[in-house]
Amino acid sequence: MTADNGRRSVTEDQDMNEEPAVESPASADAPAWEDPRRVLARHGLTPRRSFSQNFLISESAVARIAAAVAPAPGERVLELGPGLGTLTGALLRAGADVVAIERDRAMIAVLAAELPTARLRVIEGDAAEVDYAAMAAELGTPRLAVAGNLPYAITGGILRNLTAARAHVSRAVVMVQREVRDRMLAEPGTSDYGALTVFIQAAFAVTPVVNVPPGAFFPAPKVSSAVVRLVPHAVPRAEETPALRTLVRAIFDARRKTLRNALGRVFGQERADAALTALALDPQLRGETLSVEQMAALAAALA
């Protein structure tokens, strides 16, 4: 069942054992799928732990990511961390023009050798530090489609950057750890509901795409993964203000405390009581049961 805010329950997620999405056929500048392990071997490379490299070797998962991006012919797609170009090739075959952000120079050399096409532009840089506003302006588009198998070590930074730049993003399809996906989709009052949930759901409608097991990667990570699709709300459910950040930190740093006590510790008891009274909120509630909109209203009252 799809909720009013655009989220779906985790149980609606598609699994890897379902029929794979159908890819567009190979073209002269976008060769057909090839197992990334063969590409690594051809270039005499091995995965680098320092870059959190776990290469996606499931053709089905790659096809599902490209299908979830669903680029229009000639649409510019910004890919974060393309690595060997496995997803890059799928996006090119789907008709996209790709701008890829990659910091590993060995991978940049592989991309140049394997995908020598004018429809791919590779920029050496950190995927967590992309200036989406500047990139959109440079590419002549108001909003960017974004895709990527996110390096888990910098997932938090990438998601924070995406959230701050939501006005310049049309949609983002990204691979994250499955526990991160669960937090992005969590409901108020659940153990997964936290600061990440609030800020992601304030900015985006979050839809699960597919679960990806460790065996779909080389080398296999110790955690399961999942793909999500993020689409900015036409009107954000909440603006990420300093007051909201302080409120969220106060609530989730004191999960077991009542709302009155959690807020009193940070804002002072008199100020906390006045805000709760103004919004007719039960002071004995636990803060983690509040919706995104309730938190935004409470932050505004406290401010």
C-alpha atoms as a PDB file:
ATOM      1  CA  MET A   1       0.000   0.000   0.000  1.00  0.00           C
ATOM      2  CA  THR A   2       1.342   3.431  -0.909  1.00  0.00           C
ATOM      3  CA  ALA A   3       1.078   6.024   1.823  1.00  0.00           C
ATOM      4  CA  ASP A   4       0.040   9.643   1.216  1.00  0.00           C
ATOM      5  CA  ASN A   5       3.624  10.836   1.619  1.00  0.00           C
ATOM      6  CA  GLY A   6       4.807   8.613  -1.221  1.00  0.00           C
ATOM      7  CA  ARG A   7       6.559   5.976   0.877  1.00  0.00           C
ATOM      8  CA  ARG A   8       6.040   2.213   0.563  1.00  0.00           C
ATOM      9  CA  SER A   9       6.383  -0.463   3.157  1.00  0.00           C
ATOM     10  CA  VAL A  10       9.572  -2.488   3.199  1.00  0.00           C
ATOM     11  CA  THR A  11       7.622  -5.668   2.490  1.00  0.00           C
ATOM     12  CA  GLU A  12       6.669  -4.309  -0.954  1.00  0.00           C
ATOM     13  CA  ASP A  13      10.312  -4.288  -1.966  1.00  0.00           C
ATOM     14  CA  GLN A  14      11.272  -6.386  -4.975  1.00  0.00           C
ATOM     15  CA  ASP A  15      13.733  -9.223  -4.458  1.00  0.00           C
ATOM     16  CA  MET A  16      16.600 -10.383  -6.631  1.00  0.00           C
ATOM     17  CA  ASN A  17      14.883 -13.655  -7.477  1.00  0.00           C
ATOM     18  CA  GLU A  18      12.181 -11.904  -9.512  1.00  0.00           C
ATOM     19  CA  GLU A  19      12.438 -11.493 -13.281  1.00  0.00           C
ATOM     20  CA  PRO A  20      15.123  -8.925 -14.104  1.00  0.00           C
ATOM     21  CA  ALA A  21      14.346  -5.629 -15.765  1.00  0.00           C
ATOM     22  CA  VAL A  22      14.955  -5.704 -19.517  1.00  0.00           C
ATOM     23  CA  GLU A  23      17.883  -3.620 -20.709  1.00  0.00           C
ATOM     24  CA  SER A  24      18.128  -1.763 -23.991  1.00  0.00           C
ATOM     25  CA  PRO A  25      20.341  -3.529 -26.552  1.00  0.00           C
ATOM     26  CA  ALA A  26      24.040  -2.751 -26.811  1.00  0.00           C
ATOM     27  CA  SER A  27      25.179  -0.037 -29.200  1.00  0.00           C
ATOM     28  CA  ALA A  28      28.510   0.922 -30.720  1.00  0.00           C
ATOM     29  CA  ASP A  29      29.337   3.294 -27.847  1.00  0.00           C
ATOM     30  CA  ALA A  30      27.661   1.278 -25.075  1.00  0.00           C
ATOM     31  CA  PRO A  31      28.775  -2.372 -25.157  1.00  0.00           C
ATOM     32  CA  ALA A  32      26.709  -5.186 -23.715  1.00  0.00           C
ATOM     33  CA  TRP A  33      26.902  -6.312 -20.091  1.00  0.00           C
ATOM     34  CA  GLU A  34      30.167  -7.904 -19.043  1.00  0.00           C
ATOM     35  CA  ASP A  35      31.028  -9.452 -15.690  1.00  0.00           C
ATOM     36  CA  PRO A  36      33.035  -6.788 -13.774  1.00  0.00           C
ATOM     37  CA  ARG A  37      35.483  -9.462 -12.607  1.00  0.00           C
ATOM     38  CA  ARG A  38      36.572  -9.948 -16.215  1.00  0.00           C
ATOM     39  CA  VAL A  39      37.006  -6.184 -16.606  1.00  0.00           C
ATOM     40  CA  LEU A  40      39.142  -6.050 -13.466  1.00  0.00           C
ATOM     41  CA  ALA A  41      41.285  -8.920 -14.692  1.00  0.00           C
ATOM     42  CA  ARG A  42      41.713  -7.359 -18.123  1.00  0.00           C
ATOM     43  CA  HIS A  43      43.136  -4.220 -16.525  1.00  0.00           C
ATOM     44  CA  GLY A  44      45.182  -6.046 -13.907  1.00  0.00           C
ATOM     45  CA  LEU A  45      43.263  -4.504 -11.024  1.00  0.00           C
ATOM     46  CA  THR A  46      41.850  -5.686  -7.708  1.00  0.00           C
ATOM     47  CA  PRO A  47      39.237  -3.988  -5.480  1.00  0.00           C
ATOM     48  CA  ARG A  48      40.730  -1.340  -3.207  1.00  0.00           C
ATOM     49  CA  ARG A  49      39.562  -1.404   0.402  1.00  0.00           C
ATOM     50  CA  SER A  50      40.687   2.200   0.894  1.00  0.00           C
ATOM     51  CA  PHE A  51      38.012   3.248  -1.624  1.00  0.00           C
ATOM     52  CA  SER A  52      35.332   0.899  -0.189  1.00  0.00           C
ATOM     53  CA  GLN A  53      35.177  -0.897  -3.543  1.00  0.00           C
ATOM     54  CA  ASN A  54      32.616  -3.697  -3.785  1.00  0.00           C
ATOM     55  CA  PHE A  55      31.717  -4.105  -7.443  1.00  0.00           C
ATOM     56  CA  LEU A  56      28.146  -5.032  -8.361  1.00  0.00           C
ATOM     57  CA  ILE A  57      28.280  -8.238 -10.415  1.00  0.00           C
ATOM     58  CA  SER A  58      24.520  -8.888 -10.668  1.00  0.00           C
ATOM     59  CA  GLU A  59      23.254  -8.029 -14.141  1.00  0.00           C
ATOM     60  CA  SER A  60      19.687  -8.106 -12.807  1.00  0.00           C
ATOM     61  CA  ALA A  61      20.413  -5.552 -10.066  1.00  0.00           C
ATOM     62  CA  VAL A  62      22.172  -3.232 -12.512  1.00  0.00           C
ATOM     63  CA  ALA A  63      19.228  -3.460 -14.906  1.00  0.00           C
ATOM     64  CA  ARG A  64      16.780  -2.647 -12.097  1.00  0.00           C
ATOM     65  CA  ILE A  65      18.742   0.440 -11.084  1.00  0.00           C
ATOM     66  CA  ALA A  66      18.815   1.706 -14.675  1.00  0.00           C
ATOM     67  CA  ALA A  67      15.086   0.987 -15.038  1.00  0.00           C
ATOM     68  CA  ALA A  68      14.340   2.913 -11.831  1.00  0.00           C
ATOM     69  CA  VAL A  69      16.301   5.897 -13.142  1.00  0.00           C
ATOM     70  CA  ALA A  70      14.320   5.608 -16.394  1.00  0.00           C
ATOM     71  CA  PRO A  71      16.224   8.279 -18.318  1.00  0.00           C
ATOM     72  CA  ALA A  72      14.591  10.030 -21.230  1.00  0.00           C
ATOM     73  CA  PRO A  73      16.564   9.815 -24.495  1.00  0.00           C
ATOM     74  CA  GLY A  74      19.525  12.148 -24.207  1.00  0.00           C
ATOM     75  CA  GLU A  75      18.829  13.042 -20.570  1.00  0.00           C
ATOM     76  CA  ARG A  76      21.900  13.869 -18.489  1.00  0.00           C
ATOM     77  CA  VAL A  77      22.341  11.499 -15.542  1.00  0.00           C
ATOM     78  CA  LEU A  78      24.881  12.236 -12.817  1.00  0.00           C
ATOM     79  CA  GLU A  79      26.451   8.981 -11.625  1.00  0.00           C
ATOM     80  CA  LEU A  80      28.212   8.903  -8.271  1.00  0.00           C
ATOM     81  CA  GLY A  81      31.157   6.504  -8.063  1.00  0.00           C
ATOM     82  CA  PRO A  82      30.889   4.684 -11.433  1.00  0.00           C
ATOM     83  CA  GLY A  83      33.842   2.384 -10.712  1.00  0.00           C
ATOM     84  CA  LEU A  84      34.303   0.002 -13.647  1.00  0.00           C
ATOM     85  CA  GLY A  85      31.342   1.483 -15.519  1.00  0.00           C
ATOM     86  CA  THR A  86      28.914  -1.405 -15.004  1.00  0.00           C
ATOM     87  CA  LEU A  87      25.925   0.834 -14.238  1.00  0.00           C
ATOM     88  CA  THR A  88      27.311   3.510 -16.545  1.00  0.00           C
ATOM     89  CA  GLY A  89      26.985   1.154 -19.485  1.00  0.00           C
ATOM     90  CA  ALA A  90      23.401   0.283 -18.550  1.00  0.00           C
ATOM     91  CA  LEU A  91      22.477   3.972 -18.333  1.00  0.00           C
ATOM     92  CA  LEU A  92      24.082   4.640 -21.720  1.00  0.00           C
ATOM     93  CA  ARG A  93      22.191   1.706 -23.229  1.00  0.00           C
ATOM     94  CA  ALA A  94      18.985   3.154 -21.769  1.00  0.00           C
ATOM     95  CA  GLY A  95      19.624   6.352 -23.742  1.00  0.00           C
ATOM     96  CA  ALA A  96      21.149   8.604 -21.066  1.00  0.00           C
ATOM     97  CA  ASP A  97      24.142  10.879 -21.407  1.00  0.00           C
ATOM     98  CA  VAL A  98      26.216  10.281 -18.276  1.00  0.00           C
ATOM     99  CA  VAL A  99      28.378  12.606 -16.202  1.00  0.00           C
ATOM    100  CA  ALA A 100      30.294  10.421 -13.742  1.00  0.00           C
ATOM    101  CA  ILE A 101      32.091  11.523 -10.567  1.00  0.00           C
ATOM    102  CA  GLU A 102      34.979   9.180  -9.719  1.00  0.00           C
ATOM    103  CA  ARG A 103      37.982   9.732  -7.420  1.00  0.00           C
ATOM    104  CA  ASP A 104      39.979   6.565  -8.187  1.00  0.00           C
ATOM    105  CA  ARG A 105      42.283   7.339 -11.121  1.00  0.00           C
ATOM    106  CA  ALA A 106      42.599   3.651 -11.945  1.00  0.00           C
ATOM    107  CA  MET A 107      38.825   3.480 -12.440  1.00  0.00           C
ATOM    108  CA  ILE A 108      38.906   6.652 -14.544  1.00  0.00           C
ATOM    109  CA  ALA A 109      41.402   4.938 -16.853  1.00  0.00           C
ATOM    110  CA  VAL A 110      39.135   1.872 -17.079  1.00  0.00           C
ATOM    111  CA  LEU A 111      36.133   4.030 -17.980  1.00  0.00           C
ATOM    112  CA  ALA A 112      38.084   5.749 -20.760  1.00  0.00           C
ATOM    113  CA  ALA A 113      39.169   2.381 -22.169  1.00  0.00           C
ATOM    114  CA  GLU A 114      35.883   0.519 -21.814  1.00  0.00           C
ATOM    115  CA  LEU A 115      33.389   3.286 -22.660  1.00  0.00           C
ATOM    116  CA  PRO A 116      35.041   5.584 -25.225  1.00  0.00           C
ATOM    117  CA  THR A 117      31.966   7.623 -26.080  1.00  0.00           C
ATOM    118  CA  ALA A 118      31.131  11.301 -26.287  1.00  0.00           C
ATOM    119  CA  ARG A 119      28.004  10.525 -24.247  1.00  0.00           C
ATOM    120  CA  LEU A 120      30.134   9.896 -21.139  1.00  0.00           C
ATOM    121  CA  ARG A 121      32.021  12.602 -19.280  1.00  0.00           C
ATOM    122  CA  VAL A 122      34.132  11.574 -16.294  1.00  0.00           C
ATOM    123  CA  ILE A 123      35.089  14.090 -13.602  1.00  0.00           C
ATOM    124  CA  GLU A 124      37.699  13.276 -10.996  1.00  0.00           C
ATOM    125  CA  GLY A 125      36.196  14.166  -7.649  1.00  0.00           C
ATOM    126  CA  ASP A 126      34.570  13.113  -4.392  1.00  0.00           C
ATOM    127  CA  ALA A 127      30.955  11.925  -4.713  1.00  0.00           C
ATOM    128  CA  ALA A 128      30.181  13.340  -1.253  1.00  0.00           C
ATOM    129  CA  GLU A 129      31.196  16.854  -2.273  1.00  0.00           C
ATOM    130  CA  VAL A 130      29.294  17.381  -5.517  1.00  0.00           C
ATOM    131  CA  ASP A 131      27.986  20.934  -6.009  1.00  0.00           C
ATOM    132  CA  TYR A 132      24.620  20.014  -7.504  1.00  0.00           C
ATOM    133  CA  ALA A 133      23.577  23.610  -8.156  1.00  0.00           C
ATOM    134  CA  ALA A 134      26.766  24.363 -10.077  1.00  0.00           C
ATOM    135  CA  MET A 135      26.592  21.056 -11.949  1.00  0.00           C
ATOM    136  CA  ALA A 136      22.969  21.628 -13.000  1.00  0.00           C
ATOM    137  CA  ALA A 137      23.833  25.130 -14.205  1.00  0.00           C
ATOM    138  CA  GLU A 138      26.856  23.869 -16.145  1.00  0.00           C
ATOM    139  CA  LEU A 139      24.789  21.164 -17.820  1.00  0.00           C
ATOM    140  CA  GLY A 140      21.968  23.572 -18.610  1.00  0.00           C
ATOM    141  CA  THR A 141      19.265  21.755 -16.681  1.00  0.00           C
ATOM    142  CA  PRO A 142      17.231  22.896 -13.664  1.00  0.00           C
ATOM    143  CA  ARG A 143      17.344  19.444 -12.038  1.00  0.00           C
ATOM    144  CA  LEU A 144      19.658  16.462 -12.230  1.00  0.00           C
ATOM    145  CA  ALA A 145      18.840  12.774 -12.302  1.00  0.00           C
ATOM    146  CA  VAL A 146      21.291  11.036  -9.958  1.00  0.00           C
ATOM    147  CA  ALA A 147      22.319   7.383  -9.704  1.00  0.00           C
ATOM    148  CA  GLY A 148      24.981   5.411  -7.925  1.00  0.00           C
ATOM    149  CA  ASN A 149      26.163   2.433  -5.925  1.00  0.00           C
ATOM    150  CA  LEU A 150      27.264   4.523  -2.939  1.00  0.00           C
ATOM    151  CA  PRO A 151      30.536   3.716  -1.158  1.00  0.00           C
ATOM    152  CA  TYR A 152      29.250   2.774   2.284  1.00  0.00           C
ATOM    153  CA  ALA A 153      31.980   4.727   4.087  1.00  0.00           C
ATOM    154  CA  ILE A 154      30.637   8.032   2.714  1.00  0.00           C
ATOM    155  CA  THR A 155      26.924   7.244   2.373  1.00  0.00           C
ATOM    156  CA  GLY A 156      25.985   9.687   5.149  1.00  0.00           C
ATOM    157  CA  GLY A 157      27.838  12.559   3.515  1.00  0.00           C
ATOM    158  CA  ILE A 158      26.317  11.845   0.111  1.00  0.00           C
ATOM    159  CA  LEU A 159      22.785  11.688   1.521  1.00  0.00           C
ATOM    160  CA  ARG A 160      23.249  14.926   3.480  1.00  0.00           C
ATOM    161  CA  ASN A 161      24.513  16.635   0.333  1.00  0.00           C
ATOM    162  CA  LEU A 162      21.609  15.303  -1.735  1.00  0.00           C
ATOM    163  CA  THR A 163      19.100  16.472   0.865  1.00  0.00           C
ATOM    164  CA  ALA A 164      20.573  19.969   0.987  1.00  0.00           C
ATOM    165  CA  ALA A 165      20.521  20.126  -2.839  1.00  0.00           C
ATOM    166  CA  ARG A 166      17.032  18.679  -3.360  1.00  0.00           C
ATOM    167  CA  ALA A 167      15.953  21.753  -5.373  1.00  0.00           C
ATOM    168  CA  HIS A 168      18.470  20.736  -8.052  1.00  0.00           C
ATOM    169  CA  VAL A 169      17.610  17.017  -8.121  1.00  0.00           C
ATOM    170  CA  SER A 170      14.741  15.483 -10.111  1.00  0.00           C
ATOM    171  CA  ARG A 171      15.269  11.992  -8.673  1.00  0.00           C
ATOM    172  CA  ALA A 172      18.025   9.863  -7.211  1.00  0.00           C
ATOM    173  CA  VAL A 173      18.356   6.081  -7.407  1.00  0.00           C
ATOM    174  CA  VAL A 174      21.049   4.884  -5.018  1.00  0.00           C
ATOM    175  CA  MET A 175      22.376   1.694  -3.459  1.00  0.00           C
ATOM    176  CA  VAL A 176      22.826   1.798   0.322  1.00  0.00           C
ATOM    177  CA  GLN A 177      23.222  -0.672   3.159  1.00  0.00           C
ATOM    178  CA  ARG A 178      19.901  -2.369   3.819  1.00  0.00           C
ATOM    179  CA  GLU A 179      19.809  -1.075   7.404  1.00  0.00           C
ATOM    180  CA  VAL A 180      20.168   2.472   6.022  1.00  0.00           C
ATOM    181  CA  ARG A 181      17.285   1.780   3.623  1.00  0.00           C
ATOM    182  CA  ASP A 182      15.184   0.601   6.579  1.00  0.00           C
ATOM    183  CA  ARG A 183      15.922   3.829   8.449  1.00  0.00           C
ATOM    184  CA  MET A 184      15.016   5.900   5.395  1.00  0.00           C
ATOM    185  CA  LEU A 185      11.618   4.174   5.215  1.00  0.00           C
ATOM    186  CA  ALA A 186      10.901   3.931   8.974  1.00  0.00           C
ATOM    187  CA  GLU A 187       7.641   4.979  10.616  1.00  0.00           C
ATOM    188  CA  PRO A 188       7.381   7.099  13.803  1.00  0.00           C
ATOM    189  CA  GLY A 189       7.689   5.052  16.973  1.00  0.00           C
ATOM    190  CA  THR A 190       9.751   2.252  15.424  1.00  0.00           C
ATOM    191  CA  SER A 191      13.315   1.395  16.367  1.00  0.00           C
ATOM    192  CA  ASP A 192      14.608   2.381  12.906  1.00  0.00           C
ATOM    193  CA  TYR A 193      13.032   5.850  13.087  1.00  0.00           C
ATOM    194  CA  GLY A 194      15.746   8.438  13.665  1.00  0.00           C
ATOM    195  CA  ALA A 195      17.403  11.632  12.499  1.00  0.00           C
ATOM    196  CA  LEU A 196      18.173  10.204   9.053  1.00  0.00           C
ATOM    197  CA  THR A 197      14.514   9.268   8.628  1.00  0.00           C
ATOM    198  CA  VAL A 198      13.292  12.738   9.527  1.00  0.00           C
ATOM    199  CA  PHE A 199      15.581  14.668   7.203  1.00  0.00           C
ATOM    200  CA  ILE A 200      15.320  12.270   4.247  1.00  0.00           C
ATOM    201  CA  GLN A 201      11.520  12.013   4.474  1.00  0.00           C
ATOM    202  CA  ALA A 202      11.215  15.771   4.941  1.00  0.00           C
ATOM    203  CA  ALA A 203      12.865  16.264   1.558  1.00  0.00           C
ATOM    204  CA  PHE A 204      11.986  13.153  -0.475  1.00  0.00           C
ATOM    205  CA  ALA A 205       9.356  10.540  -1.169  1.00  0.00           C
ATOM    206  CA  VAL A 206      11.291   7.293  -0.647  1.00  0.00           C
ATOM    207  CA  THR A 207      10.483   4.158  -2.651  1.00  0.00           C
ATOM    208  CA  PRO A 208      12.293   0.808  -2.312  1.00  0.00           C
ATOM    209  CA  VAL A 209      13.462  -0.676  -5.604  1.00  0.00           C
ATOM    210  CA  VAL A 210      15.231  -3.984  -4.905  1.00  0.00           C
ATOM    211  CA  ASN A 211      17.081  -5.900  -2.177  1.00  0.00           C
ATOM    212  CA  VAL A 212      20.620  -6.910  -3.110  1.00  0.00           C
ATOM    213  CA  PRO A 213      22.375  -9.724  -1.167  1.00  0.00           C
ATOM    214  CA  PRO A 214      26.111  -9.769  -0.419  1.00  0.00           C
ATOM    215  CA  GLY A 215      26.698 -12.388  -3.135  1.00  0.00           C
ATOM    216  CA  ALA A 216      25.738  -9.843  -5.786  1.00  0.00           C
ATOM    217  CA  PHE A 217      29.056  -8.041  -5.188  1.00  0.00           C
ATOM    218  CA  PHE A 218      32.738  -8.736  -5.653  1.00  0.00           C
ATOM    219  CA  PRO A 219      34.155  -8.932  -3.106  1.00  0.00           C
ATOM    220  CA  ALA A 220      31.051  -9.806  -1.078  1.00  0.00           C
ATOM    221  CA  PRO A 221      30.477  -7.300   1.740  1.00  0.00           C
ATOM    222  CA  LYS A 222      29.436  -8.393   5.224  1.00  0.00           C
ATOM    223  CA  VAL A 223      26.103  -6.561   4.967  1.00  0.00           C
ATOM    224  CA  SER A 224      23.044  -6.741   2.734  1.00  0.00           C
ATOM    225  CA  SER A 225      22.246  -3.849   0.433  1.00  0.00           C
ATOM    226  CA  ALA A 226      19.177  -2.256  -1.084  1.00  0.00           C
ATOM    227  CA  VAL A 227      18.309   0.256  -3.783  1.00  0.00           C
ATOM    228  CA  VAL A 228      15.968   3.180  -3.126  1.00  0.00           C
ATOM    229  CA  ARG A 229      14.464   5.866  -5.340  1.00  0.00           C
ATOM    230  CA  LEU A 230      14.256   9.378  -3.911  1.00  0.00           C
ATOM    231  CA  VAL A 231      11.960  11.969  -5.479  1.00  0.00           C
ATOM    232  CA  PRO A 232      11.836  15.479  -3.977  1.00  0.00           C
ATOM    233  CA  HIS A 233       8.486  16.556  -2.599  1.00  0.00           C
ATOM    234  CA  ALA A 234       6.928  19.429  -4.546  1.00  0.00           C
ATOM    235  CA  VAL A 235       6.631  21.108  -1.154  1.00  0.00           C
ATOM    236  CA  PRO A 236       9.031  19.771   1.510  1.00  0.00           C
ATOM    237  CA  ARG A 237       7.346  18.176   4.511  1.00  0.00           C
ATOM    238  CA  ALA A 238       9.711  20.260   6.654  1.00  0.00           C
ATOM    239  CA  GLU A 239      12.565  22.698   6.133  1.00  0.00           C
ATOM    240  CA  GLU A 240      15.862  21.661   7.691  1.00  0.00           C
ATOM    241  CA  THR A 241      16.435  24.652   9.957  1.00  0.00           C
ATOM    242  CA  PRO A 242      18.955  24.953  12.824  1.00  0.00           C
ATOM    243  CA  ALA A 243      16.005  24.731  15.235  1.00  0.00           C
ATOM    244  CA  LEU A 244      14.809  21.476  13.655  1.00  0.00           C
ATOM    245  CA  ARG A 245      18.301  19.983  13.755  1.00  0.00           C
ATOM    246  CA  THR A 246      18.609  20.870  17.448  1.00  0.00           C
ATOM    247  CA  LEU A 247      15.156  19.431  18.186  1.00  0.00           C
ATOM    248  CA  VAL A 248      15.844  16.177  16.347  1.00  0.00           C
ATOM    249  CA  ARG A 249      19.148  15.744  18.149  1.00  0.00           C
ATOM    250  CA  ALA A 250      17.465  16.398  21.505  1.00  0.00           C
ATOM    251  CA  ILE A 251      14.751  13.821  20.799  1.00  0.00           C
ATOM    252  CA  PHE A 252      16.922  10.997  19.486  1.00  0.00           C
ATOM    253  CA  ASP A 253      19.714  11.526  21.984  1.00  0.00           C
ATOM    254  CA  ALA A 254      17.134  10.791  24.690  1.00  0.00           C
ATOM    255  CA  ARG A 255      14.859   8.167  23.130  1.00  0.00           C
ATOM    256  CA  ARG A 256      13.630   6.743  26.410  1.00  0.00           C
ATOM    257  CA  LYS A 257      12.772  10.104  27.945  1.00  0.00           C
ATOM    258  CA  THR A 258       9.429  11.847  27.735  1.00  0.00           C
ATOM    259  CA  LEU A 259       9.135  14.692  25.261  1.00  0.00           C
ATOM    260  CA  ARG A 260       9.003  17.206  28.129  1.00  0.00           C
ATOM    261  CA  ASN A 261      12.190  15.925  29.733  1.00  0.00           C
ATOM    262  CA  ALA A 262      14.083  15.516  26.446  1.00  0.00           C
ATOM    263  CA  LEU A 263      13.300  19.063  25.364  1.00  0.00           C
ATOM    264  CA  GLY A 264      13.820  20.550  28.825  1.00  0.00           C
ATOM    265  CA  ARG A 265      17.401  19.291  28.907  1.00  0.00           C
ATOM    266  CA  VAL A 266      18.251  21.249  25.744  1.00  0.00           C
ATOM    267  CA  PHE A 267      15.849  24.187  25.528  1.00  0.00           C
ATOM    268  CA  GLY A 268      15.064  24.785  29.198  1.00  0.00           C
ATOM    269  CA  GLN A 269      11.918  23.557  30.938  1.00  0.00           C
ATOM    270  CA  GLU A 270       9.892  26.758  30.733  1.00  0.00           C
ATOM    271  CA  ARG A 271      10.504  27.145  27.013  1.00  0.00           C
ATOM    272  CA  ALA A 272       9.778  23.461  26.353  1.00  0.00           C
ATOM    273  CA  ASP A 273       6.523  23.560  28.348  1.00  0.00           C
ATOM    274  CA  ALA A 274       5.340  26.670  26.525  1.00  0.00           C
ATOM    275  CA  ALA A 275       5.938  25.097  23.100  1.00  0.00           C
ATOM    276  CA  LEU A 276       4.209  21.843  24.044  1.00  0.00           C
ATOM    277  CA  THR A 277       1.205  23.749  25.398  1.00  0.00           C
ATOM    278  CA  ALA A 278       0.986  25.926  22.290  1.00  0.00           C
ATOM    279  CA  LEU A 279       0.788  22.823  20.088  1.00  0.00           C
ATOM    280  CA  ALA A 280      -1.423  20.842  22.496  1.00  0.00           C
ATOM    281  CA  LEU A 281       1.152  18.035  22.584  1.00  0.00           C
ATOM    282  CA  ASP A 282       1.115  15.587  25.484  1.00  0.00           C
ATOM    283  CA  PRO A 283       4.369  16.230  27.393  1.00  0.00           C
ATOM    284  CA  GLN A 284       4.489  12.544  28.380  1.00  0.00           C
ATOM    285  CA  LEU A 285       4.836  11.418  24.780  1.00  0.00           C
ATOM    286  CA  ARG A 286       8.181  10.129  23.611  1.00  0.00           C
ATOM    287  CA  GLY A 287       9.677  12.335  20.958  1.00  0.00           C
ATOM    288  CA  GLU A 288      10.383   9.498  18.528  1.00  0.00           C
ATOM    289  CA  THR A 289       6.618   9.021  18.071  1.00  0.00           C
ATOM    290  CA  LEU A 290       6.208  12.442  16.422  1.00  0.00           C
ATOM    291  CA  SER A 291       5.770  12.747  12.666  1.00  0.00           C
ATOM    292  CA  VAL A 292       8.061  14.867  10.513  1.00  0.00           C
ATOM    293  CA  GLU A 293       5.414  17.603  10.384  1.00  0.00           C
ATOM    294  CA  GLN A 294       4.939  17.565  14.163  1.00  0.00           C
ATOM    295  CA  MET A 295       8.676  17.908  14.693  1.00  0.00           C
ATOM    296  CA  ALA A 296       8.807  20.842  12.278  1.00  0.00           C
ATOM    297  CA  ALA A 297       5.928  22.593  14.069  1.00  0.00           C
ATOM    298  CA  LEU A 298       7.520  21.981  17.465  1.00  0.00           C
ATOM    299  CA  ALA A 299      10.888  23.307  16.252  1.00  0.00           C
ATOM    300  CA  ALA A 300       9.184  26.452  14.997  1.00  0.00           C
ATOM    301  CA  ALA A 301       7.416  26.929  18.333  1.00  0.00           C
ATOM    302  CA  LEU A 302      10.683  26.487  20.227  1.00  0.00           C
ATOM    303  CA  ALA A 303      12.483  28.887  17.928  1.00  0.00           C
END
